[in-house]
Amino acid sequence: MMHIIVVGNSGTGKSILSEKIARITDYPLMHLDSVWHTTDYSDDAKLWFKQQQLLFMKQDNWIIDGNYSGTMDLRIPQADVIIWLKLNRYRSLVRVVKRSLMWRIDKGTRVGMADQFSEHLDRDYFDFLKVVLSYDEGRIHGLIEQYKKPDSQVIIINNNRVKKRLLKTIANL
């Protein structure tokens, strides 16, 4: 059995990396964005979102990508491998804006996003960009340390070379 979570700030490439790992391993993959953005974001939706994760994690092998720190207490204790993508906040911000612009041209460019997701360049979007800039690595580190199993492996990816090495290692298993 192998349980993998991929976390990190928006725009760090969690969904793309998760897709690559899923293709190599043939493990089922849950993109949290594709689940969460099908909801109305209500309190009932938050409960449903947690339930969907718990149901998915009943499988022998799985990959879950997405930050959603409010449900990390469900995922981290189950994870054998925690892949944490760490990029400079400003680089993440540029990637988020680029991703948004590309999505406006071609809806298929957002890997792991719900089909009905709608993004507008409005106040909510600019508030989201502030969240990207204020991403709290310390909080994520604390959650990982608090909830991870003693034998869980934490892999920090901070550049493409490390990412390629990880994918090569997984492919050779």
C-alpha atoms as a PDB file:
ATOM      1  CA  MET A   1       0.000   0.000   0.000  1.00  0.00           C
ATOM      2  CA  MET A   2       1.189   3.498  -0.819  1.00  0.00           C
ATOM      3  CA  HIS A   3      -0.486   6.765   0.119  1.00  0.00           C
ATOM      4  CA  ILE A   4       0.947   9.973  -1.315  1.00  0.00           C
ATOM      5  CA  ILE A   5      -0.049  13.579  -0.712  1.00  0.00           C
ATOM      6  CA  VAL A   6       1.279  16.538  -2.660  1.00  0.00           C
ATOM      7  CA  VAL A   7       1.086  19.931  -0.967  1.00  0.00           C
ATOM      8  CA  GLY A   8       2.405  23.415  -1.587  1.00  0.00           C
ATOM      9  CA  ASN A   9       1.369  26.937  -2.431  1.00  0.00           C
ATOM     10  CA  SER A  10      -0.882  27.633  -5.400  1.00  0.00           C
ATOM     11  CA  GLY A  11       1.048  27.725  -8.636  1.00  0.00           C
ATOM     12  CA  THR A  12       3.821  25.365  -7.544  1.00  0.00           C
ATOM     13  CA  GLY A  13       2.783  22.557  -9.906  1.00  0.00           C
ATOM     14  CA  LYS A  14       1.068  20.141  -7.515  1.00  0.00           C
ATOM     15  CA  SER A  15      -1.525  18.952 -10.006  1.00  0.00           C
ATOM     16  CA  ILE A  16       0.898  18.477 -12.884  1.00  0.00           C
ATOM     17  CA  LEU A  17       3.362  16.562 -10.694  1.00  0.00           C
ATOM     18  CA  SER A  18       0.540  14.448  -9.257  1.00  0.00           C
ATOM     19  CA  GLU A  19      -0.668  13.589 -12.764  1.00  0.00           C
ATOM     20  CA  LYS A  20       2.838  12.442 -13.708  1.00  0.00           C
ATOM     21  CA  ILE A  21       3.150  10.304 -10.576  1.00  0.00           C
ATOM     22  CA  ALA A  22      -0.292   8.802 -11.202  1.00  0.00           C
ATOM     23  CA  ARG A  23       0.667   7.897 -14.796  1.00  0.00           C
ATOM     24  CA  ILE A  24       3.860   6.200 -13.595  1.00  0.00           C
ATOM     25  CA  THR A  25       2.288   4.311 -10.673  1.00  0.00           C
ATOM     26  CA  ASP A  26      -1.246   3.820 -12.004  1.00  0.00           C
ATOM     27  CA  TYR A  27      -2.534   4.932  -8.585  1.00  0.00           C
ATOM     28  CA  PRO A  28      -5.893   6.670  -8.366  1.00  0.00           C
ATOM     29  CA  LEU A  29      -5.552  10.444  -8.052  1.00  0.00           C
ATOM     30  CA  MET A  30      -7.798  12.947  -6.319  1.00  0.00           C
ATOM     31  CA  HIS A  31      -7.301  16.591  -7.209  1.00  0.00           C
ATOM     32  CA  LEU A  32      -8.809  18.470  -4.263  1.00  0.00           C
ATOM     33  CA  ASP A  33      -9.499  21.484  -6.486  1.00  0.00           C
ATOM     34  CA  SER A  34     -11.685  19.367  -8.748  1.00  0.00           C
ATOM     35  CA  VAL A  35     -13.705  18.238  -5.730  1.00  0.00           C
ATOM     36  CA  TRP A  36     -13.935  21.502  -3.785  1.00  0.00           C
ATOM     37  CA  HIS A  37     -14.827  23.667  -6.773  1.00  0.00           C
ATOM     38  CA  THR A  38     -17.906  21.564  -7.513  1.00  0.00           C
ATOM     39  CA  THR A  39     -19.478  22.818  -4.280  1.00  0.00           C
ATOM     40  CA  ASP A  40     -21.266  25.965  -3.151  1.00  0.00           C
ATOM     41  CA  TYR A  41     -18.513  26.508  -0.494  1.00  0.00           C
ATOM     42  CA  SER A  42     -21.034  26.259   2.354  1.00  0.00           C
ATOM     43  CA  ASP A  43     -20.574  24.558   5.726  1.00  0.00           C
ATOM     44  CA  ASP A  44     -22.395  21.521   4.310  1.00  0.00           C
ATOM     45  CA  ALA A  45     -19.943  21.553   1.403  1.00  0.00           C
ATOM     46  CA  LYS A  46     -17.011  21.521   3.829  1.00  0.00           C
ATOM     47  CA  LEU A  47     -18.414  18.409   5.510  1.00  0.00           C
ATOM     48  CA  TRP A  48     -19.035  16.738   2.137  1.00  0.00           C
ATOM     49  CA  PHE A  49     -15.484  17.663   1.056  1.00  0.00           C
ATOM     50  CA  LYS A  50     -14.054  15.885   4.105  1.00  0.00           C
ATOM     51  CA  GLN A  51     -16.253  12.848   3.507  1.00  0.00           C
ATOM     52  CA  GLN A  52     -15.085  12.593  -0.101  1.00  0.00           C
ATOM     53  CA  GLN A  53     -11.465  12.544   1.016  1.00  0.00           C
ATOM     54  CA  LEU A  54     -12.152   9.890   3.659  1.00  0.00           C
ATOM     55  CA  LEU A  55     -13.923   7.699   1.098  1.00  0.00           C
ATOM     56  CA  PHE A  56     -11.083   8.095  -1.396  1.00  0.00           C
ATOM     57  CA  MET A  57      -8.484   7.202   1.239  1.00  0.00           C
ATOM     58  CA  LYS A  58     -10.087   3.793   1.820  1.00  0.00           C
ATOM     59  CA  GLN A  59      -8.307   2.538  -1.303  1.00  0.00           C
ATOM     60  CA  ASP A  60      -5.081   0.573  -1.029  1.00  0.00           C
ATOM     61  CA  ASN A  61      -3.050   3.079  -3.035  1.00  0.00           C
ATOM     62  CA  TRP A  62      -3.773   6.726  -3.752  1.00  0.00           C
ATOM     63  CA  ILE A  63      -2.441  10.167  -4.498  1.00  0.00           C
ATOM     64  CA  ILE A  64      -4.123  13.351  -3.279  1.00  0.00           C
ATOM     65  CA  ASP A  65      -2.965  16.734  -4.450  1.00  0.00           C
ATOM     66  CA  GLY A  66      -3.941  20.041  -2.934  1.00  0.00           C
ATOM     67  CA  ASN A  67      -3.211  22.157   0.070  1.00  0.00           C
ATOM     68  CA  TYR A  68      -6.547  22.787   1.834  1.00  0.00           C
ATOM     69  CA  SER A  69      -4.926  23.016   5.254  1.00  0.00           C
ATOM     70  CA  GLY A  70      -8.321  22.620   6.930  1.00  0.00           C
ATOM     71  CA  THR A  71      -8.345  18.944   5.958  1.00  0.00           C
ATOM     72  CA  MET A  72      -4.646  18.137   6.234  1.00  0.00           C
ATOM     73  CA  ASP A  73      -5.367  16.518   9.593  1.00  0.00           C
ATOM     74  CA  LEU A  74      -7.239  13.826   7.617  1.00  0.00           C
ATOM     75  CA  ARG A  75      -4.611  13.268   4.920  1.00  0.00           C
ATOM     76  CA  ILE A  76      -1.242  13.649   6.639  1.00  0.00           C
ATOM     77  CA  PRO A  77      -1.724  10.799   9.175  1.00  0.00           C
ATOM     78  CA  GLN A  78      -2.576   8.444   6.289  1.00  0.00           C
ATOM     79  CA  ALA A  79       0.319   9.515   4.040  1.00  0.00           C
ATOM     80  CA  ASP A  80       3.361   7.331   3.546  1.00  0.00           C
ATOM     81  CA  VAL A  81       4.944  10.006   1.359  1.00  0.00           C
ATOM     82  CA  ILE A  82       4.415  13.752   1.694  1.00  0.00           C
ATOM     83  CA  ILE A  83       5.684  15.707  -1.290  1.00  0.00           C
ATOM     84  CA  TRP A  84       5.962  19.393  -0.505  1.00  0.00           C
ATOM     85  CA  LEU A  85       6.520  21.734  -3.427  1.00  0.00           C
ATOM     86  CA  LYS A  86       8.273  24.863  -2.242  1.00  0.00           C
ATOM     87  CA  LEU A  87       8.736  27.758  -4.628  1.00  0.00           C
ATOM     88  CA  ASN A  88       9.395  31.416  -4.062  1.00  0.00           C
ATOM     89  CA  ARG A  89       6.059  33.160  -3.385  1.00  0.00           C
ATOM     90  CA  TYR A  90       6.600  35.645  -6.192  1.00  0.00           C
ATOM     91  CA  ARG A  91       7.323  32.856  -8.652  1.00  0.00           C
ATOM     92  CA  SER A  92       4.169  31.100  -7.476  1.00  0.00           C
ATOM     93  CA  LEU A  93       2.212  34.331  -7.973  1.00  0.00           C
ATOM     94  CA  VAL A  94       3.515  34.749 -11.530  1.00  0.00           C
ATOM     95  CA  ARG A  95       2.612  31.132 -12.300  1.00  0.00           C
ATOM     96  CA  VAL A  96      -0.910  31.592 -10.899  1.00  0.00           C
ATOM     97  CA  VAL A  97      -1.511  34.706 -13.018  1.00  0.00           C
ATOM     98  CA  LYS A  98      -0.089  32.983 -16.108  1.00  0.00           C
ATOM     99  CA  ARG A  99      -2.271  29.938 -15.428  1.00  0.00           C
ATOM    100  CA  SER A 100      -5.338  32.171 -15.102  1.00  0.00           C
ATOM    101  CA  LEU A 101      -4.614  33.925 -18.383  1.00  0.00           C
ATOM    102  CA  MET A 102      -4.014  30.623 -20.176  1.00  0.00           C
ATOM    103  CA  TRP A 103      -7.254  29.217 -18.735  1.00  0.00           C
ATOM    104  CA  ARG A 104      -9.159  32.142 -20.238  1.00  0.00           C
ATOM    105  CA  ILE A 105      -7.866  31.079 -23.664  1.00  0.00           C
ATOM    106  CA  ASP A 106      -8.175  27.311 -23.199  1.00  0.00           C
ATOM    107  CA  LYS A 107     -10.185  25.760 -20.344  1.00  0.00           C
ATOM    108  CA  GLY A 108      -8.213  22.523 -20.779  1.00  0.00           C
ATOM    109  CA  THR A 109      -5.035  24.096 -19.444  1.00  0.00           C
ATOM    110  CA  ARG A 110      -6.062  23.749 -15.768  1.00  0.00           C
ATOM    111  CA  VAL A 111      -5.095  20.222 -14.794  1.00  0.00           C
ATOM    112  CA  GLY A 112      -7.163  18.979 -11.877  1.00  0.00           C
ATOM    113  CA  MET A 113      -9.771  21.747 -11.917  1.00  0.00           C
ATOM    114  CA  ALA A 114     -13.511  21.128 -11.880  1.00  0.00           C
ATOM    115  CA  ASP A 115     -15.125  21.632 -15.294  1.00  0.00           C
ATOM    116  CA  GLN A 116     -17.683  24.062 -13.908  1.00  0.00           C
ATOM    117  CA  PHE A 117     -15.055  26.191 -12.175  1.00  0.00           C
ATOM    118  CA  SER A 118     -15.339  29.834 -13.098  1.00  0.00           C
ATOM    119  CA  GLU A 119     -12.594  32.312 -12.421  1.00  0.00           C
ATOM    120  CA  HIS A 120     -13.126  36.051 -12.711  1.00  0.00           C
ATOM    121  CA  LEU A 121     -10.612  38.832 -12.476  1.00  0.00           C
ATOM    122  CA  ASP A 122     -12.507  40.414  -9.602  1.00  0.00           C
ATOM    123  CA  ARG A 123     -11.991  41.232  -5.934  1.00  0.00           C
ATOM    124  CA  ASP A 124     -12.142  37.543  -4.962  1.00  0.00           C
ATOM    125  CA  TYR A 125      -9.381  36.774  -7.450  1.00  0.00           C
ATOM    126  CA  PHE A 126      -7.168  39.540  -6.116  1.00  0.00           C
ATOM    127  CA  ASP A 127      -7.850  38.340  -2.562  1.00  0.00           C
ATOM    128  CA  PHE A 128      -6.732  34.888  -3.718  1.00  0.00           C
ATOM    129  CA  LEU A 129      -3.499  36.398  -5.066  1.00  0.00           C
ATOM    130  CA  LYS A 130      -2.908  37.897  -1.621  1.00  0.00           C
ATOM    131  CA  VAL A 131      -3.280  34.402  -0.159  1.00  0.00           C
ATOM    132  CA  VAL A 132      -0.617  33.154  -2.579  1.00  0.00           C
ATOM    133  CA  LEU A 133       1.729  35.927  -1.461  1.00  0.00           C
ATOM    134  CA  SER A 134       1.056  35.281   2.217  1.00  0.00           C
ATOM    135  CA  TYR A 135       1.378  31.464   2.020  1.00  0.00           C
ATOM    136  CA  ASP A 136       2.421  30.300   5.470  1.00  0.00           C
ATOM    137  CA  GLU A 137       5.110  27.641   5.088  1.00  0.00           C
ATOM    138  CA  GLY A 138       5.552  27.609   8.855  1.00  0.00           C
ATOM    139  CA  ARG A 139       1.942  26.553   9.367  1.00  0.00           C
ATOM    140  CA  ILE A 140       2.218  23.798   6.770  1.00  0.00           C
ATOM    141  CA  HIS A 141       5.463  22.586   8.342  1.00  0.00           C
ATOM    142  CA  GLY A 142       3.746  22.543  11.729  1.00  0.00           C
ATOM    143  CA  LEU A 143       0.811  20.519  10.397  1.00  0.00           C
ATOM    144  CA  ILE A 144       3.145  18.020   8.763  1.00  0.00           C
ATOM    145  CA  GLU A 145       5.177  17.617  11.953  1.00  0.00           C
ATOM    146  CA  GLN A 146       2.053  17.367  14.097  1.00  0.00           C
ATOM    147  CA  TYR A 147       0.204  14.758  12.031  1.00  0.00           C
ATOM    148  CA  LYS A 148       2.734  12.705  10.057  1.00  0.00           C
ATOM    149  CA  LYS A 149       3.418   9.095  10.926  1.00  0.00           C
ATOM    150  CA  PRO A 150       6.894   8.399  12.325  1.00  0.00           C
ATOM    151  CA  ASP A 151       7.808   6.415   9.201  1.00  0.00           C
ATOM    152  CA  SER A 152       6.386   8.885   6.667  1.00  0.00           C
ATOM    153  CA  GLN A 153       8.828  10.271   4.161  1.00  0.00           C
ATOM    154  CA  VAL A 154       8.739  14.032   3.556  1.00  0.00           C
ATOM    155  CA  ILE A 155      10.193  15.059   0.206  1.00  0.00           C
ATOM    156  CA  ILE A 156      10.771  18.745  -0.433  1.00  0.00           C
ATOM    157  CA  ILE A 157      10.811  19.812  -4.069  1.00  0.00           C
ATOM    158  CA  ASN A 158      12.302  23.256  -4.595  1.00  0.00           C
ATOM    159  CA  ASN A 159      13.453  23.053  -8.210  1.00  0.00           C
ATOM    160  CA  ASN A 160      12.905  21.130 -11.444  1.00  0.00           C
ATOM    161  CA  ARG A 161      16.059  19.049 -11.011  1.00  0.00           C
ATOM    162  CA  VAL A 162      14.747  17.576  -7.739  1.00  0.00           C
ATOM    163  CA  LYS A 163      11.328  17.023  -9.342  1.00  0.00           C
ATOM    164  CA  LYS A 164      12.864  15.139 -12.300  1.00  0.00           C
ATOM    165  CA  ARG A 165      14.969  13.039  -9.923  1.00  0.00           C
ATOM    166  CA  LEU A 166      11.865  12.117  -7.922  1.00  0.00           C
ATOM    167  CA  LEU A 167       9.953  11.086 -11.051  1.00  0.00           C
ATOM    168  CA  LYS A 168      12.907   9.000 -12.240  1.00  0.00           C
ATOM    169  CA  THR A 169      13.134   7.302  -8.824  1.00  0.00           C
ATOM    170  CA  ILE A 170       9.404   6.499  -8.869  1.00  0.00           C
ATOM    171  CA  ALA A 171       9.630   5.149 -12.419  1.00  0.00           C
ATOM    172  CA  ASN A 172      12.450   2.791 -11.363  1.00  0.00           C
ATOM    173  CA  LEU A 173      10.584   1.302  -8.392  1.00  0.00           C
END
